[in-house]
Structures are given as structure tokens and as C-alpha cells.
Amino acid sequence: MDILNSSLSLLKQQYKLEWIKYGDDNAKLFFAKAKQKKLTSYICTLKDDSGQYMEGFKNVARVMMTYYKKLLGTQAIPSTSIDPNIITLGPVLSI
């Protein structure tokens, strides 16, 4: 029985090594496909306001930023200071 158990153990180890070797190939394939899919979702070329095509990550990002800044506007809303007398009218937490 010991010979049978040791033979089975050796076979398990050999198959485990085979599985690890081929499993690594599958992981490489998976990550290559994931990278390929990610690259297909990038915007490589974009037309700016003047009708000129811009290429490259930085140029496309600049065109997008310009577009959304015009769309949303650049005017900041002025903030007013808070009157401390109004704060003390209601309940206040102590430190």
C-alpha cells in the first residue's frame, strides 16, 4: 500500500506542476485580452472646436477640458462670510 500511496502522491505532484504551467498560460492570455479591451476603449483622436483633429492622450485630454470648461463656465460663485451672531442663536456643541 505504501508503494501505491507514494505513486499516487508522485502523480498528483506531476499533474499539479502541469496544471500550474498551463494555468499560467491561461493567466497570460486573460491579461493580454484585458489589456487589448482596455486599449480599445481609449479615445485616440478627437476633433476640437476649430475642426482640427487632435491625437494623443494629452491633446485629447486638453480638448475635453476646454470643451467642458466652456460648457460649465468659469465664473466662480462669490462666497459670503458667516455672521458669528447667527451661529450662537441656536444650539452649539462645546469642545
Protein backbone atom coordinates (compact mmCIF):
# COMPACT_ATOMS: atom_id res chain seq x y z
CA MET A 1 0.00 0.00 0.00
CA ASP A 2 2.87 2.40 0.67
CA ILE A 3 4.12 1.99 -2.88
CA LEU A 4 0.63 2.74 -4.20
CA ASN A 5 0.27 5.83 -1.99
CA SER A 6 3.69 7.16 -2.93
CA SER A 7 2.94 6.56 -6.64
CA LEU A 8 -0.35 8.44 -6.32
CA SER A 9 1.39 11.26 -4.49
CA LEU A 10 4.02 11.49 -7.22
CA LEU A 11 1.33 11.58 -9.92
CA LYS A 12 -0.57 14.30 -8.04
CA GLN A 13 2.59 16.40 -7.82
CA GLN A 14 3.32 15.93 -11.53
CA TYR A 15 -0.22 16.90 -12.51
CA LYS A 16 -0.09 19.86 -10.16
CA LEU A 17 3.06 21.08 -11.92
CA GLU A 18 1.38 20.62 -15.30
CA TRP A 19 -1.70 22.48 -14.11
CA ILE A 20 0.40 25.37 -12.78
CA LYS A 21 2.33 25.56 -16.06
CA TYR A 22 -0.79 25.62 -18.24
CA GLY A 23 -2.71 27.74 -15.74
CA ASP A 24 -0.01 30.39 -16.08
CA ASP A 25 -0.51 30.35 -19.85
CA ASN A 26 -4.21 30.97 -19.30
CA ALA A 27 -3.46 33.90 -17.00
CA LYS A 28 -1.18 35.43 -19.65
CA LEU A 29 -3.93 35.06 -22.23
CA PHE A 30 -6.51 36.58 -19.87
CA PHE A 31 -4.38 39.63 -19.08
CA ALA A 32 -3.45 40.12 -22.74
CA LYS A 33 -7.15 40.13 -23.66
CA ALA A 34 -7.96 42.51 -20.77
CA LYS A 35 -5.21 44.90 -21.93
CA GLN A 36 -6.49 44.69 -25.52
CA LYS A 37 -10.04 45.52 -24.40
CA LYS A 38 -8.81 48.44 -22.29
CA LEU A 39 -6.89 49.87 -25.24
CA THR A 40 -9.97 49.69 -27.46
CA SER A 41 -11.90 51.89 -25.03
CA TYR A 42 -9.42 54.80 -25.27
CA ILE A 43 -10.27 57.84 -27.36
CA CYS A 44 -7.21 58.24 -29.59
CA THR A 45 -8.39 61.09 -31.84
CA LEU A 46 -10.81 63.93 -31.19
CA LYS A 47 -11.89 66.96 -33.24
CA ASP A 48 -11.54 70.32 -31.48
CA ASP A 49 -13.66 73.46 -31.89
CA SER A 50 -11.73 74.60 -34.95
CA GLY A 51 -12.36 71.28 -36.71
CA GLN A 52 -8.77 70.10 -36.34
CA TYR A 53 -8.17 66.50 -35.26
CA MET A 54 -6.05 66.08 -32.17
CA GLU A 55 -4.18 62.87 -31.45
CA GLY A 56 -2.52 61.55 -28.33
CA PHE A 57 -3.65 61.26 -24.75
CA LYS A 58 -2.57 64.75 -23.64
CA ASN A 59 -4.03 66.51 -26.68
CA VAL A 60 -7.35 64.68 -26.40
CA ALA A 61 -7.48 65.49 -22.67
CA ARG A 62 -6.85 69.18 -23.40
CA VAL A 63 -9.67 69.28 -25.99
CA MET A 64 -12.05 67.63 -23.49
CA MET A 65 -11.08 70.04 -20.70
CA THR A 66 -11.59 73.04 -22.98
CA TYR A 67 -15.00 71.75 -24.09
CA TYR A 68 -16.27 71.12 -20.55
CA LYS A 69 -14.90 74.40 -19.20
CA LYS A 70 -16.86 76.24 -21.90
CA LEU A 71 -19.92 74.10 -21.20
CA LEU A 72 -19.86 74.58 -17.43
CA GLY A 73 -18.47 78.09 -17.37
CA THR A 74 -15.57 79.54 -15.45
CA GLN A 75 -17.32 82.09 -13.24
CA ALA A 76 -16.92 81.33 -9.56
CA ILE A 77 -19.80 81.98 -7.17
CA PRO A 78 -18.68 84.51 -4.58
CA SER A 79 -18.96 83.25 -1.04
CA THR A 80 -20.23 85.39 1.81
CA SER A 81 -18.85 85.25 5.30
CA ILE A 82 -20.93 83.73 8.08
CA ASP A 83 -22.14 86.07 10.79
CA PRO A 84 -20.98 84.60 14.15
CA ASN A 85 -24.02 86.12 15.93
CA ILE A 86 -26.35 83.90 13.88
CA ILE A 87 -24.41 80.78 14.82
CA THR A 88 -24.77 81.47 18.56
CA LEU A 89 -28.58 81.87 18.31
CA GLY A 90 -29.11 78.11 18.04
CA PRO A 91 -27.75 75.13 19.97
CA VAL A 92 -23.95 74.89 19.82
CA LEU A 93 -21.69 71.92 20.60
CA SER A 94 -18.96 72.50 23.08
CA ILE A 95 -15.47 71.22 22.52
